[in-house]
Protein backbone atom coordinates (compact mmCIF):
# COMPACT_ATOMS: atom_id res chain seq x y z
CA MET A 1 112.51 91.88 69.58
CA ARG A 2 110.96 93.59 72.55
CA LYS A 3 113.50 96.40 72.92
CA LYS A 4 111.77 98.13 75.81
CA LEU A 5 111.87 94.88 77.79
CA ALA A 6 115.54 94.29 76.90
CA GLU A 7 116.52 97.52 78.65
CA GLN A 8 115.03 96.22 81.92
CA ALA A 9 116.08 92.55 81.86
CA GLU A 10 115.83 90.66 85.18
CA GLU A 11 113.71 93.40 86.80
CA ARG A 12 110.37 92.59 88.44
CA LYS A 13 107.71 95.14 87.47
CA THR A 14 103.96 95.70 87.35
CA PHE A 15 102.19 95.31 84.01
CA ARG A 16 98.68 95.68 82.64
CA ALA A 17 97.33 93.70 79.68
CA VAL A 18 94.12 92.74 77.87
CA LEU A 19 93.11 89.08 77.51
CA SER A 20 92.78 88.34 73.80
CA ARG A 21 92.06 84.61 73.64
CA LEU A 22 92.68 81.15 75.03
CA GLY A 23 95.05 78.72 73.31
CA LYS A 24 96.84 75.40 73.70
CA LYS A 25 100.43 74.21 73.52
CA THR A 26 102.24 70.93 73.88
CA ASN A 27 104.46 70.95 76.95
CA TYR A 28 107.91 69.40 77.37
CA HIS A 29 106.38 66.00 78.28
CA GLY A 30 104.09 65.95 75.24
CA PHE A 31 100.87 66.80 77.08
CA SER A 32 98.46 69.53 76.06
CA GLU A 33 98.43 72.70 78.20
CA ASP A 34 95.97 75.59 78.13
CA THR A 35 97.45 79.05 77.54
CA LEU A 36 96.31 82.67 77.60
CA LEU A 37 97.23 85.33 75.04
CA PHE A 38 97.42 88.87 76.41
CA THR A 39 97.80 91.91 74.15
CA GLN A 40 98.61 95.59 74.69
CA VAL A 41 101.11 94.88 77.48
CA VAL A 42 101.80 98.13 79.34
CA ASP A 43 104.44 98.89 81.98
CA VAL A 44 102.32 100.55 84.68
CA ALA A 45 105.16 102.69 86.07
CA LEU A 46 106.24 104.05 82.67
CA LYS A 47 102.74 104.06 81.14
CA GLN A 48 104.28 102.67 77.92
CA VAL A 49 103.41 99.68 75.76
CA VAL A 50 106.36 97.27 76.14
CA SER A 51 105.04 94.37 74.06
CA ASP A 52 102.23 93.75 71.59
CA HIS A 53 101.54 90.33 73.15
CA VAL A 54 102.60 87.83 75.79
CA TRP A 55 101.59 84.19 76.40
CA PHE A 56 101.09 82.62 79.85
CA THR A 57 100.17 79.11 80.93
CA TYR A 58 96.59 78.99 82.23
CA SER A 59 97.44 78.40 85.91
CA LYS A 60 95.15 78.19 88.93
CA ALA A 61 95.92 81.83 89.71
CA PHE A 62 94.49 82.89 86.32
CA GLU A 63 91.62 80.41 86.66
CA SER A 64 90.54 82.00 89.96
CA LEU A 65 89.93 85.33 88.16
CA ALA A 66 87.30 83.77 85.80
CA LEU A 67 88.68 85.75 82.85
CA LYS A 68 86.99 86.22 79.50
CA PRO A 69 88.33 87.89 76.33
CA GLY A 70 88.48 91.66 76.70
CA ASP A 71 89.18 91.60 80.45
CA VAL A 72 92.06 93.78 81.65
CA ILE A 73 94.40 92.43 84.31
CA GLU A 74 97.28 93.83 86.30
CA PHE A 75 100.15 91.63 87.47
CA ASP A 76 103.78 91.59 88.56
CA ALA A 77 106.29 89.66 86.42
CA ARG A 78 110.03 89.32 85.89
CA ILE A 79 111.55 90.26 82.52
CA LYS A 80 113.69 87.36 81.27
CA ALA A 81 115.73 86.64 78.15
CA TYR A 82 115.07 83.47 76.14
CA LYS A 83 116.26 81.88 72.89
CA LYS A 84 113.85 81.45 70.01
CA GLY A 85 114.24 80.11 66.51
CA TYR A 86 115.28 76.93 64.72
CA VAL A 87 118.54 74.98 64.58
CA ASN A 88 119.35 71.96 62.39
CA LYS A 89 123.05 71.10 62.77
CA SER A 90 123.07 68.46 60.04
CA LEU A 91 121.89 71.02 57.47
CA GLY A 92 123.99 73.84 58.92
CA PHE A 93 120.84 75.83 59.68
CA HIS A 94 121.14 78.18 62.68
CA LYS A 95 118.40 80.77 63.10
CA LYS A 96 118.31 81.28 66.88
CA THR A 97 117.90 84.75 68.32
CA GLU A 98 117.45 86.21 71.77
CA ASP A 99 114.16 87.77 72.78
CA TYR A 100 112.53 88.81 76.06
CA LYS A 101 109.45 87.52 77.88
CA LEU A 102 107.51 88.11 81.07
CA SER A 103 107.96 85.26 83.52
CA HIS A 104 106.37 84.13 86.80
CA PRO A 105 103.28 86.36 86.95
CA THR A 106 102.08 87.09 90.51
CA LYS A 107 99.68 89.45 92.28
CA LEU A 108 97.09 88.96 89.53
CA LYS A 109 94.00 91.15 89.70
CA LYS A 110 91.24 92.03 87.30
CA VAL A 111 91.07 95.77 86.57
CA GLU A 112 87.70 97.44 86.12
CA GLU A 113 87.97 100.21 83.54
C-alpha cells in the first residue's frame, strides 16, 4: 500500500514522475486503451517519493507533450482510494484491499533536468 498517499487522501497536489513505458489495458467496454507507466513518483512540496509507480490512460493531454521513455513530467493530481484484489463469492474467496492512486492529472508539463 502507498502509505504516504494514504495520509493525504482526497488532497490535490503537485507531483513529478519519470515515464517508464507505454502499455495497454482493456477498458470497461472491452476496448483496448493505451496507458503510460510512470515511476519514481515524487511529491514536489515534500520532496519525497510517494509511490514507486503510477499508471495513467494515454489522454490527449499526455499526447500533446510528445513523451518518450525517460522524460520527466510534473502534474497536479488528486489522491484517491480504490479497491483492488479478487473476489469469488461462490468459492468464498475474498482478497480485496484498499490502496491509493493518483487521479485526474492536470497541468501537465515536461520538466527539463
